[in-house]
Protein backbone atom coordinates (compact mmCIF):
# COMPACT_ATOMS: atom_id res chain seq x y z
CA MET A 1 3.35 -12.78 3.00
CA LEU A 2 1.35 -9.61 2.38
CA TRP A 3 4.62 -7.69 2.14
CA ASP A 4 5.87 -10.12 -0.50
CA LEU A 5 2.76 -9.46 -2.56
CA TYR A 6 3.15 -5.70 -2.28
CA TYR A 7 6.88 -5.80 -3.04
CA SER A 8 6.49 -8.12 -6.01
CA ASP A 9 3.51 -6.37 -7.62
CA LYS A 10 4.84 -4.41 -10.60
CA GLU A 11 1.81 -2.12 -10.69
CA ILE A 12 2.22 -1.14 -7.02
CA ALA A 13 5.95 -0.69 -7.58
CA LYS A 14 5.18 1.96 -10.20
CA TYR A 15 3.55 4.16 -7.57
CA LEU A 16 4.97 3.17 -4.20
CA SER A 17 8.66 2.80 -3.51
CA ARG A 18 10.08 0.12 -1.26
CA ASP A 19 10.68 2.88 1.32
CA ASP A 20 7.01 3.92 1.09
CA LEU A 21 5.95 0.34 1.76
CA ASN A 22 8.47 -0.04 4.59
CA ARG A 23 7.10 3.07 6.31
CA ILE A 24 3.50 2.02 5.80
CA MET A 25 4.11 -1.57 6.88
CA SER A 26 6.55 -1.09 9.77
CA PRO A 27 6.44 -4.20 12.00
CA GLU A 28 5.61 -2.38 15.22
CA ASN A 29 2.47 -0.94 13.67
CA VAL A 30 1.20 -3.59 11.26
CA LEU A 31 -1.23 -5.60 13.36
CA PRO A 32 -2.86 -2.83 15.40
CA HIS A 33 -3.49 -0.76 12.28
CA ALA A 34 -3.82 -3.25 9.41
CA VAL A 35 -7.04 -1.83 7.96
CA GLU A 36 -5.79 1.74 8.29
CA LYS A 37 -2.50 0.84 6.61
CA THR A 38 -4.23 -0.95 3.74
CA GLU A 39 -6.44 2.09 3.21
CA LYS A 40 -3.35 4.32 3.26
CA ILE A 41 -1.66 2.15 0.62
CA LEU A 42 -4.78 2.32 -1.55
CA ARG A 43 -5.06 6.11 -1.05
CA LEU A 44 -1.42 6.63 -2.07
CA TYR A 45 -1.90 4.31 -5.03
CA ARG A 46 -4.98 6.24 -6.15
CA GLN A 47 -3.16 9.57 -5.79
CA ARG A 48 -0.38 8.36 -8.05
CA ASN A 49 -2.57 6.36 -10.41
CA GLY A 50 -5.60 8.60 -10.72
CA SER A 51 -9.20 8.00 -9.79
CA ASP A 52 -9.85 5.12 -12.20
CA MET A 53 -9.15 2.51 -9.51
CA VAL A 54 -12.20 0.76 -8.04
CA SER A 55 -13.28 2.07 -4.64
CA SER A 56 -12.46 -0.06 -1.59
CA HIS A 57 -15.92 0.63 -0.09
């Protein structure tokens, strides 16, 4: 379900390609590294969107 949200979000799609999301969210690594992967998605998003996004901390 989380993937569906990422894939369907038009704002995320502006900055992360489907391939980016597939690499970040690969099934063999999702559960052991969920927090790390979410932080990576947010970091990539911020890099492409600028620093005006609210901090995750």
